[in-house]
Amino acid sequence: MKIKPLYDKIVVERFEEKEEKTPSGIIIPDTAKEKPQFGKVVAVGPGRLLDNGELKPLSVKEGDVVLFNKYAGNEVEVDGKTYLVMSEDEVLAVIEDYQA
């Protein structure tokens, strides 16, 4: 199944958090970690609908790595993968040269 967002919506695949250990070697479970606020844009809508009826293209594009608010977007699950669907307004920044 493919997701095609409408208007100024984008679909983001959140990066997975690496396994974390405390200095004493205790592994922190996924439920106790905060979710990453970075992700890769996998789909974008056609643009924002302006009052005059025109579509303004979005600033982000597929493949961009973006920084977003902790509570941004809505989680959806498609084919066993979890994605965030959010407005372009919820993107705080585009990260250039991101090293995973």
PDB file of N, CA and C in Angstrom:
ATOM      1  N   MET A   1       0.858  -1.175   0.000  1.00  0.00           N
ATOM      2  CA  MET A   1       0.000   0.000   0.000  1.00  0.00           C
ATOM      3  C   MET A   1       0.898   1.231   0.000  1.00  0.00           C
ATOM      4  N   LYS A   2       0.486   2.264  -0.721  1.00  0.00           N
ATOM      5  CA  LYS A   2       1.242   3.499  -0.794  1.00  0.00           C
ATOM      6  C   LYS A   2       0.403   4.634  -0.217  1.00  0.00           C
ATOM      7  N   ILE A   3       1.055   5.510   0.561  1.00  0.00           N
ATOM      8  CA  ILE A   3       0.364   6.658   1.154  1.00  0.00           C
ATOM      9  C   ILE A   3       0.619   7.869   0.278  1.00  0.00           C
ATOM     10  N   LYS A   4      -0.437   8.562  -0.078  1.00  0.00           N
ATOM     11  CA  LYS A   4      -0.319   9.798  -0.831  1.00  0.00           C
ATOM     12  C   LYS A   4      -0.985  10.900  -0.009  1.00  0.00           C
ATOM     13  N   PRO A   5      -0.185  11.758   0.662  1.00  0.00           N
ATOM     14  CA  PRO A   5      -0.770  12.804   1.500  1.00  0.00           C
ATOM     15  C   PRO A   5      -1.440  13.892   0.666  1.00  0.00           C
ATOM     16  N   LEU A   6      -2.391  14.565   1.271  1.00  0.00           N
ATOM     17  CA  LEU A   6      -3.117  15.636   0.610  1.00  0.00           C
ATOM     18  C   LEU A   6      -2.581  16.997   1.042  1.00  0.00           C
ATOM     19  N   TYR A   7      -2.705  17.964   0.157  1.00  0.00           N
ATOM     20  CA  TYR A   7      -2.360  19.373   0.407  1.00  0.00           C
ATOM     21  C   TYR A   7      -0.999  19.535   1.079  1.00  0.00           C
ATOM     22  N   ASP A   8      -0.942  20.150   2.266  1.00  0.00           N
ATOM     23  CA  ASP A   8       0.350  20.460   2.894  1.00  0.00           C
ATOM     24  C   ASP A   8       0.795  19.384   3.883  1.00  0.00           C
ATOM     25  N   LYS A   9       0.288  18.181   3.733  1.00  0.00           N
ATOM     26  CA  LYS A   9       0.674  17.084   4.629  1.00  0.00           C
ATOM     27  C   LYS A   9       1.900  16.364   4.074  1.00  0.00           C
ATOM     28  N   ILE A  10       2.706  15.827   5.014  1.00  0.00           N
ATOM     29  CA  ILE A  10       3.855  15.014   4.642  1.00  0.00           C
ATOM     30  C   ILE A  10       3.837  13.730   5.459  1.00  0.00           C
ATOM     31  N   VAL A  11       4.483  12.693   4.936  1.00  0.00           N
ATOM     32  CA  VAL A  11       4.604  11.418   5.639  1.00  0.00           C
ATOM     33  C   VAL A  11       6.079  11.243   5.984  1.00  0.00           C
ATOM     34  N   VAL A  12       6.349  11.001   7.276  1.00  0.00           N
ATOM     35  CA  VAL A  12       7.719  10.893   7.769  1.00  0.00           C
ATOM     36  C   VAL A  12       7.925   9.528   8.412  1.00  0.00           C
ATOM     37  N   GLU A  13       9.051   8.909   8.086  1.00  0.00           N
ATOM     38  CA  GLU A  13       9.450   7.670   8.753  1.00  0.00           C
ATOM     39  C   GLU A  13      10.447   8.057   9.841  1.00  0.00           C
ATOM     40  N   ARG A  14      10.043   7.890  11.078  1.00  0.00           N
ATOM     41  CA  ARG A  14      10.874   8.273  12.220  1.00  0.00           C
ATOM     42  C   ARG A  14      12.097   7.360  12.287  1.00  0.00           C
ATOM     43  N   PHE A  15      13.271   7.938  12.565  1.00  0.00           N
ATOM     44  CA  PHE A  15      14.483   7.141  12.719  1.00  0.00           C
ATOM     45  C   PHE A  15      14.385   6.313  13.993  1.00  0.00           C
ATOM     46  N   GLU A  16      14.942   5.121  13.944  1.00  0.00           N
ATOM     47  CA  GLU A  16      14.950   4.240  15.110  1.00  0.00           C
ATOM     48  C   GLU A  16      16.032   4.700  16.068  1.00  0.00           C
ATOM     49  N   GLU A  17      15.717   4.654  17.337  1.00  0.00           N
ATOM     50  CA  GLU A  17      16.679   5.017  18.376  1.00  0.00           C
ATOM     51  C   GLU A  17      17.621   3.835  18.594  1.00  0.00           C
ATOM     52  N   LYS A  18      18.889   4.127  18.750  1.00  0.00           N
ATOM     53  CA  LYS A  18      19.868   3.075  19.018  1.00  0.00           C
ATOM     54  C   LYS A  18      19.694   2.567  20.449  1.00  0.00           C
ATOM     55  N   GLU A  19      20.118   1.338  20.685  1.00  0.00           N
ATOM     56  CA  GLU A  19      20.022   0.756  22.025  1.00  0.00           C
ATOM     57  C   GLU A  19      20.853   1.593  22.998  1.00  0.00           C
ATOM     58  N   GLU A  20      20.273   1.916  24.117  1.00  0.00           N
ATOM     59  CA  GLU A  20      20.967   2.738  25.104  1.00  0.00           C
ATOM     60  C   GLU A  20      21.294   1.923  26.339  1.00  0.00           C
ATOM     61  N   LYS A  21      22.475   2.195  26.888  1.00  0.00           N
ATOM     62  CA  LYS A  21      22.903   1.564  28.137  1.00  0.00           C
ATOM     63  C   LYS A  21      23.341   2.655  29.093  1.00  0.00           C
ATOM     64  N   THR A  22      23.115   2.397  30.359  1.00  0.00           N
ATOM     65  CA  THR A  22      23.634   3.292  31.391  1.00  0.00           C
ATOM     66  C   THR A  22      25.129   3.007  31.562  1.00  0.00           C
ATOM     67  N   PRO A  23      25.871   3.877  32.221  1.00  0.00           N
ATOM     68  CA  PRO A  23      27.303   3.617  32.450  1.00  0.00           C
ATOM     69  C   PRO A  23      27.571   2.286  33.156  1.00  0.00           C
ATOM     70  N   SER A  24      26.611   1.799  33.953  1.00  0.00           N
ATOM     71  CA  SER A  24      26.802   0.529  34.653  1.00  0.00           C
ATOM     72  C   SER A  24      26.401  -0.679  33.805  1.00  0.00           C
ATOM     73  N   GLY A  25      25.938  -0.438  32.567  1.00  0.00           N
ATOM     74  CA  GLY A  25      25.626  -1.543  31.664  1.00  0.00           C
ATOM     75  C   GLY A  25      24.176  -1.949  31.606  1.00  0.00           C
ATOM     76  N   ILE A  26      23.275  -1.243  32.285  1.00  0.00           N
ATOM     77  CA  ILE A  26      21.851  -1.569  32.259  1.00  0.00           C
ATOM     78  C   ILE A  26      21.252  -1.052  30.958  1.00  0.00           C
ATOM     79  N   ILE A  27      20.549  -1.911  30.248  1.00  0.00           N
ATOM     80  CA  ILE A  27      19.914  -1.524  28.982  1.00  0.00           C
ATOM     81  C   ILE A  27      18.592  -0.846  29.280  1.00  0.00           C
ATOM     82  N   ILE A  28      18.384   0.333  28.698  1.00  0.00           N
ATOM     83  CA  ILE A  28      17.145   1.090  28.906  1.00  0.00           C
ATOM     84  C   ILE A  28      16.101   0.567  27.926  1.00  0.00           C
ATOM     85  N   PRO A  29      14.947   0.104  28.412  1.00  0.00           N
ATOM     86  CA  PRO A  29      13.920  -0.443  27.511  1.00  0.00           C
ATOM     87  C   PRO A  29      13.298   0.637  26.629  1.00  0.00           C
ATOM     88  N   ASP A  30      12.765   0.200  25.474  1.00  0.00           N
ATOM     89  CA  ASP A  30      12.146   1.126  24.517  1.00  0.00           C
ATOM     90  C   ASP A  30      11.036   1.957  25.147  1.00  0.00           C
ATOM     91  N   THR A  31      10.288   1.373  26.067  1.00  0.00           N
ATOM     92  CA  THR A  31       9.160   2.085  26.666  1.00  0.00           C
ATOM     93  C   THR A  31       9.608   3.246  27.539  1.00  0.00           C
ATOM     94  N   ALA A  32      10.840   3.233  28.014  1.00  0.00           N
ATOM     95  CA  ALA A  32      11.337   4.299  28.881  1.00  0.00           C
ATOM     96  C   ALA A  32      12.061   5.394  28.104  1.00  0.00           C
ATOM     97  N   LYS A  33      12.321   5.150  26.812  1.00  0.00           N
ATOM     98  CA  LYS A  33      13.049   6.129  26.000  1.00  0.00           C
ATOM     99  C   LYS A  33      12.091   7.114  25.356  1.00  0.00           C
ATOM    100  N   GLU A  34      12.625   8.284  25.070  1.00  0.00           N
ATOM    101  CA  GLU A  34      11.843   9.237  24.284  1.00  0.00           C
ATOM    102  C   GLU A  34      12.016   8.883  22.819  1.00  0.00           C
ATOM    103  N   LYS A  35      10.987   9.093  22.037  1.00  0.00           N
ATOM    104  CA  LYS A  35      11.066   8.792  20.618  1.00  0.00           C
ATOM    105  C   LYS A  35      11.922   9.845  19.924  1.00  0.00           C
ATOM    106  N   PRO A  36      12.670   9.436  18.893  1.00  0.00           N
ATOM    107  CA  PRO A  36      13.497  10.396  18.166  1.00  0.00           C
ATOM    108  C   PRO A  36      12.645  11.467  17.487  1.00  0.00           C
ATOM    109  N   GLN A  37      13.205  12.655  17.377  1.00  0.00           N
ATOM    110  CA  GLN A  37      12.501  13.763  16.750  1.00  0.00           C
ATOM    111  C   GLN A  37      13.039  14.043  15.353  1.00  0.00           C
ATOM    112  N   PHE A  38      13.720  13.050  14.781  1.00  0.00           N
ATOM    113  CA  PHE A  38      14.242  13.152  13.425  1.00  0.00           C
ATOM    114  C   PHE A  38      13.591  12.083  12.576  1.00  0.00           C
ATOM    115  N   GLY A  39      13.448  12.353  11.299  1.00  0.00           N
ATOM    116  CA  GLY A  39      12.919  11.342  10.413  1.00  0.00           C
ATOM    117  C   GLY A  39      13.140  11.715   8.968  1.00  0.00           C
ATOM    118  N   LYS A  40      12.882  10.744   8.108  1.00  0.00           N
ATOM    119  CA  LYS A  40      13.044  10.921   6.666  1.00  0.00           C
ATOM    120  C   LYS A  40      11.671  11.092   6.032  1.00  0.00           C
ATOM    121  N   VAL A  41      11.535  12.095   5.185  1.00  0.00           N
ATOM    122  CA  VAL A  41      10.280  12.345   4.478  1.00  0.00           C
ATOM    123  C   VAL A  41      10.141  11.297   3.377  1.00  0.00           C
ATOM    124  N   VAL A  42       9.043  10.534   3.407  1.00  0.00           N
ATOM    125  CA  VAL A  42       8.829   9.489   2.406  1.00  0.00           C
ATOM    126  C   VAL A  42       7.755   9.857   1.391  1.00  0.00           C
ATOM    127  N   ALA A  43       6.929  10.863   1.701  1.00  0.00           N
ATOM    128  CA  ALA A  43       5.904  11.318   0.751  1.00  0.00           C
ATOM    129  C   ALA A  43       5.482  12.735   1.117  1.00  0.00           C
ATOM    130  N   VAL A  44       5.161  13.517   0.092  1.00  0.00           N
ATOM    131  CA  VAL A  44       4.694  14.890   0.313  1.00  0.00           C
ATOM    132  C   VAL A  44       3.436  15.142  -0.510  1.00  0.00           C
ATOM    133  N   GLY A  45       2.578  16.006   0.016  1.00  0.00           N
ATOM    134  CA  GLY A  45       1.387  16.404  -0.708  1.00  0.00           C
ATOM    135  C   GLY A  45       1.732  17.415  -1.790  1.00  0.00           C
ATOM    136  N   PRO A  46       0.746  17.789  -2.598  1.00  0.00           N
ATOM    137  CA  PRO A  46       0.995  18.709  -3.714  1.00  0.00           C
ATOM    138  C   PRO A  46       1.285  20.141  -3.283  1.00  0.00           C
ATOM    139  N   GLY A  47       0.849  20.544  -2.106  1.00  0.00           N
ATOM    140  CA  GLY A  47       1.127  21.904  -1.646  1.00  0.00           C
ATOM    141  C   GLY A  47      -0.017  22.465  -0.822  1.00  0.00           C
ATOM    142  N   ARG A  48       0.241  23.661  -0.268  1.00  0.00           N
ATOM    143  CA  ARG A  48      -0.753  24.349   0.554  1.00  0.00           C
ATOM    144  C   ARG A  48      -1.758  25.047  -0.359  1.00  0.00           C
ATOM    145  N   LEU A  49      -3.038  24.886  -0.067  1.00  0.00           N
ATOM    146  CA  LEU A  49      -4.095  25.551  -0.819  1.00  0.00           C
ATOM    147  C   LEU A  49      -4.262  26.970  -0.290  1.00  0.00           C
ATOM    148  N   LEU A  50      -3.994  27.954  -1.135  1.00  0.00           N
ATOM    149  CA  LEU A  50      -4.096  29.360  -0.745  1.00  0.00           C
ATOM    150  C   LEU A  50      -5.534  29.853  -0.869  1.00  0.00           C
ATOM    151  N   ASP A  51      -5.813  31.022  -0.293  1.00  0.00           N
ATOM    152  CA  ASP A  51      -7.164  31.587  -0.326  1.00  0.00           C
ATOM    153  C   ASP A  51      -7.651  31.848  -1.749  1.00  0.00           C
ATOM    154  N   ASN A  52      -6.721  32.124  -2.659  1.00  0.00           N
ATOM    155  CA  ASN A  52      -7.114  32.401  -4.045  1.00  0.00           C
ATOM    156  C   ASN A  52      -7.274  31.128  -4.877  1.00  0.00           C
ATOM    157  N   GLY A  53      -7.107  29.960  -4.254  1.00  0.00           N
ATOM    158  CA  GLY A  53      -7.325  28.694  -4.954  1.00  0.00           C
ATOM    159  C   GLY A  53      -6.067  28.081  -5.545  1.00  0.00           C
ATOM    160  N   GLU A  54      -4.941  28.776  -5.480  1.00  0.00           N
ATOM    161  CA  GLU A  54      -3.693  28.247  -6.018  1.00  0.00           C
ATOM    162  C   GLU A  54      -3.019  27.331  -5.003  1.00  0.00           C
ATOM    163  N   LEU A  55      -2.178  26.428  -5.519  1.00  0.00           N
ATOM    164  CA  LEU A  55      -1.396  25.547  -4.664  1.00  0.00           C
ATOM    165  C   LEU A  55       0.028  26.087  -4.550  1.00  0.00           C
ATOM    166  N   LYS A  56       0.479  26.314  -3.326  1.00  0.00           N
ATOM    167  CA  LYS A  56       1.856  26.752  -3.081  1.00  0.00           C
ATOM    168  C   LYS A  56       2.672  25.493  -2.792  1.00  0.00           C
ATOM    169  N   PRO A  57       3.717  25.209  -3.578  1.00  0.00           N
ATOM    170  CA  PRO A  57       4.520  24.000  -3.352  1.00  0.00           C
ATOM    171  C   PRO A  57       5.141  23.988  -1.960  1.00  0.00           C
ATOM    172  N   LEU A  58       5.394  22.775  -1.449  1.00  0.00           N
ATOM    173  CA  LEU A  58       5.983  22.626  -0.122  1.00  0.00           C
ATOM    174  C   LEU A  58       7.486  22.868  -0.165  1.00  0.00           C
ATOM    175  N   SER A  59       8.047  23.232   0.991  1.00  0.00           N
ATOM    176  CA  SER A  59       9.485  23.485   1.108  1.00  0.00           C
ATOM    177  C   SER A  59      10.271  22.192   1.275  1.00  0.00           C
ATOM    178  N   VAL A  60       9.650  21.156   1.790  1.00  0.00           N
ATOM    179  CA  VAL A  60      10.334  19.873   1.973  1.00  0.00           C
ATOM    180  C   VAL A  60      10.022  18.967   0.795  1.00  0.00           C
ATOM    181  N   LYS A  61      10.923  18.010   0.561  1.00  0.00           N
ATOM    182  CA  LYS A  61      10.719  17.059  -0.533  1.00  0.00           C
ATOM    183  C   LYS A  61      11.027  15.649  -0.046  1.00  0.00           C
ATOM    184  N   GLU A  62      10.652  14.673  -0.801  1.00  0.00           N
ATOM    185  CA  GLU A  62      10.928  13.288  -0.434  1.00  0.00           C
ATOM    186  C   GLU A  62      12.433  13.102  -0.289  1.00  0.00           C
ATOM    187  N   GLY A  63      12.824  12.387   0.755  1.00  0.00           N
ATOM    188  CA  GLY A  63      14.237  12.129   1.005  1.00  0.00           C
ATOM    189  C   GLY A  63      14.869  13.087   1.988  1.00  0.00           C
ATOM    190  N   ASP A  64      14.230  14.231   2.272  1.00  0.00           N
ATOM    191  CA  ASP A  64      14.769  15.184   3.250  1.00  0.00           C
ATOM    192  C   ASP A  64      14.727  14.573   4.647  1.00  0.00           C
ATOM    193  N   VAL A  65      15.723  14.903   5.459  1.00  0.00           N
ATOM    194  CA  VAL A  65      15.735  14.528   6.872  1.00  0.00           C
ATOM    195  C   VAL A  65      15.258  15.761   7.633  1.00  0.00           C
ATOM    196  N   VAL A  66      14.214  15.574   8.437  1.00  0.00           N
ATOM    197  CA  VAL A  66      13.596  16.714   9.112  1.00  0.00           C
ATOM    198  C   VAL A  66      13.617  16.541  10.621  1.00  0.00           C
ATOM    199  N   LEU A  67      13.592  17.675  11.310  1.00  0.00           N
ATOM    200  CA  LEU A  67      13.469  17.752  12.759  1.00  0.00           C
ATOM    201  C   LEU A  67      12.062  18.233  13.045  1.00  0.00           C
ATOM    202  N   PHE A  68      11.384  17.576  13.981  1.00  0.00           N
ATOM    203  CA  PHE A  68      10.010  17.952  14.285  1.00  0.00           C
ATOM    204  C   PHE A  68       9.779  17.907  15.787  1.00  0.00           C
ATOM    205  N   ASN A  69       8.694  18.498  16.209  1.00  0.00           N
ATOM    206  CA  ASN A  69       8.307  18.558  17.610  1.00  0.00           C
ATOM    207  C   ASN A  69       8.040  17.160  18.146  1.00  0.00           C
ATOM    208  N   LYS A  70       8.255  16.973  19.419  1.00  0.00           N
ATOM    209  CA  LYS A  70       8.058  15.684  20.089  1.00  0.00           C
ATOM    210  C   LYS A  70       6.649  15.132  19.878  1.00  0.00           C
ATOM    211  N   TYR A  71       5.645  16.012  19.848  1.00  0.00           N
ATOM    212  CA  TYR A  71       4.255  15.569  19.734  1.00  0.00           C
ATOM    213  C   TYR A  71       3.660  15.855  18.359  1.00  0.00           C
ATOM    214  N   ALA A  72       4.491  16.034  17.361  1.00  0.00           N
ATOM    215  CA  ALA A  72       4.018  16.377  16.013  1.00  0.00           C
ATOM    216  C   ALA A  72       3.381  15.175  15.331  1.00  0.00           C
ATOM    217  N   GLY A  73       2.404  15.461  14.490  1.00  0.00           N
ATOM    218  CA  GLY A  73       1.827  14.459  13.615  1.00  0.00           C
ATOM    219  C   GLY A  73       0.963  13.413  14.283  1.00  0.00           C
ATOM    220  N   ASN A  74       0.468  12.538  13.439  1.00  0.00           N
ATOM    221  CA  ASN A  74      -0.355  11.407  13.871  1.00  0.00           C
ATOM    222  C   ASN A  74       0.293  10.130  13.376  1.00  0.00           C
ATOM    223  N   GLU A  75       0.450   9.162  14.262  1.00  0.00           N
ATOM    224  CA  GLU A  75       1.054   7.893  13.876  1.00  0.00           C
ATOM    225  C   GLU A  75       0.049   7.037  13.127  1.00  0.00           C
ATOM    226  N   VAL A  76       0.523   6.449  12.027  1.00  0.00           N
ATOM    227  CA  VAL A  76      -0.281   5.490  11.265  1.00  0.00           C
ATOM    228  C   VAL A  76       0.608   4.287  10.965  1.00  0.00           C
ATOM    229  N   GLU A  77      -0.004   3.121  10.888  1.00  0.00           N
ATOM    230  CA  GLU A  77       0.754   1.922  10.567  1.00  0.00           C
ATOM    231  C   GLU A  77       0.310   1.407   9.203  1.00  0.00           C
ATOM    232  N   VAL A  78       1.292   1.221   8.330  1.00  0.00           N
ATOM    233  CA  VAL A  78       1.018   0.733   6.978  1.00  0.00           C
ATOM    234  C   VAL A  78       1.986  -0.409   6.698  1.00  0.00           C
ATOM    235  N   ASP A  79       1.460  -1.569   6.349  1.00  0.00           N
ATOM    236  CA  ASP A  79       2.271  -2.745   6.045  1.00  0.00           C
ATOM    237  C   ASP A  79       3.291  -3.047   7.147  1.00  0.00           C
ATOM    238  N   GLY A  80       2.897  -2.891   8.400  1.00  0.00           N
ATOM    239  CA  GLY A  80       3.752  -3.217   9.527  1.00  0.00           C
ATOM    240  C   GLY A  80       4.771  -2.150   9.903  1.00  0.00           C
ATOM    241  N   LYS A  81       4.811  -1.033   9.178  1.00  0.00           N
ATOM    242  CA  LYS A  81       5.737   0.053   9.499  1.00  0.00           C
ATOM    243  C   LYS A  81       4.939   1.242  10.033  1.00  0.00           C
ATOM    244  N   THR A  82       5.513   1.955  10.992  1.00  0.00           N
ATOM    245  CA  THR A  82       4.845   3.110  11.582  1.00  0.00           C
ATOM    246  C   THR A  82       5.389   4.388  10.958  1.00  0.00           C
ATOM    247  N   TYR A  83       4.472   5.254  10.547  1.00  0.00           N
ATOM    248  CA  TYR A  83       4.819   6.535   9.943  1.00  0.00           C
ATOM    249  C   TYR A  83       4.115   7.652  10.715  1.00  0.00           C
ATOM    250  N   LEU A  84       4.605   8.864  10.535  1.00  0.00           N
ATOM    251  CA  LEU A  84       3.942  10.051  11.058  1.00  0.00           C
ATOM    252  C   LEU A  84       3.392  10.833   9.888  1.00  0.00           C
ATOM    253  N   VAL A  85       2.134  11.238   9.980  1.00  0.00           N
ATOM    254  CA  VAL A  85       1.541  12.130   8.991  1.00  0.00           C
ATOM    255  C   VAL A  85       1.380  13.472   9.687  1.00  0.00           C
ATOM    256  N   MET A  86       2.002  14.506   9.126  1.00  0.00           N
ATOM    257  CA  MET A  86       1.980  15.822   9.763  1.00  0.00           C
ATOM    258  C   MET A  86       1.888  16.917   8.719  1.00  0.00           C
ATOM    259  N   SER A  87       1.522  18.102   9.180  1.00  0.00           N
ATOM    260  CA  SER A  87       1.517  19.277   8.318  1.00  0.00           C
ATOM    261  C   SER A  87       2.942  19.769   8.157  1.00  0.00           C
ATOM    262  N   GLU A  88       3.213  20.430   7.064  1.00  0.00           N
ATOM    263  CA  GLU A  88       4.537  21.004   6.858  1.00  0.00           C
ATOM    264  C   GLU A  88       4.853  22.008   7.971  1.00  0.00           C
ATOM    265  N   ASP A  89       3.831  22.654   8.514  1.00  0.00           N
ATOM    266  CA  ASP A  89       4.019  23.623   9.589  1.00  0.00           C
ATOM    267  C   ASP A  89       4.649  22.999  10.835  1.00  0.00           C
ATOM    268  N   GLU A  90       4.499  21.690  11.022  1.00  0.00           N
ATOM    269  CA  GLU A  90       5.032  21.029  12.206  1.00  0.00           C
ATOM    270  C   GLU A  90       6.520  20.702  12.078  1.00  0.00           C
ATOM    271  N   VAL A  91       7.075  20.868  10.885  1.00  0.00           N
ATOM    272  CA  VAL A  91       8.509  20.629  10.674  1.00  0.00           C
ATOM    273  C   VAL A  91       9.262  21.851  11.188  1.00  0.00           C
ATOM    274  N   LEU A  92      10.233  21.604  12.057  1.00  0.00           N
ATOM    275  CA  LEU A  92      11.025  22.685  12.630  1.00  0.00           C
ATOM    276  C   LEU A  92      12.223  23.044  11.763  1.00  0.00           C
ATOM    277  N   ALA A  93      12.823  22.045  11.114  1.00  0.00           N
ATOM    278  CA  ALA A  93      14.003  22.300  10.293  1.00  0.00           C
ATOM    279  C   ALA A  93      14.271  21.110   9.374  1.00  0.00           C
ATOM    280  N   VAL A  94      14.980  21.391   8.285  1.00  0.00           N
ATOM    281  CA  VAL A  94      15.495  20.344   7.412  1.00  0.00           C
ATOM    282  C   VAL A  94      16.969  20.188   7.769  1.00  0.00           C
ATOM    283  N   ILE A  95      17.385  18.950   8.037  1.00  0.00           N
ATOM    284  CA  ILE A  95      18.761  18.676   8.446  1.00  0.00           C
ATOM    285  C   ILE A  95      19.560  18.286   7.215  1.00  0.00           C
ATOM    286  N   GLU A  96      20.592  19.064   6.917  1.00  0.00           N
ATOM    287  CA  GLU A  96      21.456  18.767   5.784  1.00  0.00           C
ATOM    288  C   GLU A  96      22.622  17.914   6.256  1.00  0.00           C
ATOM    289  N   ASP A  97      23.059  16.993   5.441  1.00  0.00           N
ATOM    290  CA  ASP A  97      24.208  16.128   5.739  1.00  0.00           C
ATOM    291  C   ASP A  97      24.032  15.370   7.045  1.00  0.00           C
ATOM    292  N   TYR A  98      22.852  14.790   7.259  1.00  0.00           N
ATOM    293  CA  TYR A  98      22.573  14.023   8.480  1.00  0.00           C
ATOM    294  C   TYR A  98      23.358  12.723   8.461  1.00  0.00           C
ATOM    295  N   GLN A  99      24.040  12.412   9.548  1.00  0.00           N
ATOM    296  CA  GLN A  99      24.791  11.165   9.696  1.00  0.00           C
ATOM    297  C   GLN A  99      24.073  10.269  10.689  1.00  0.00           C
ATOM    298  N   ALA A 100      23.497   9.170  10.201  1.00  0.00           N
ATOM    299  CA  ALA A 100      22.744   8.266  11.081  1.00  0.00           C
ATOM    300  C   ALA A 100      23.650   7.437  11.943  1.00  0.00           C
TER     301      ALA A 100
END
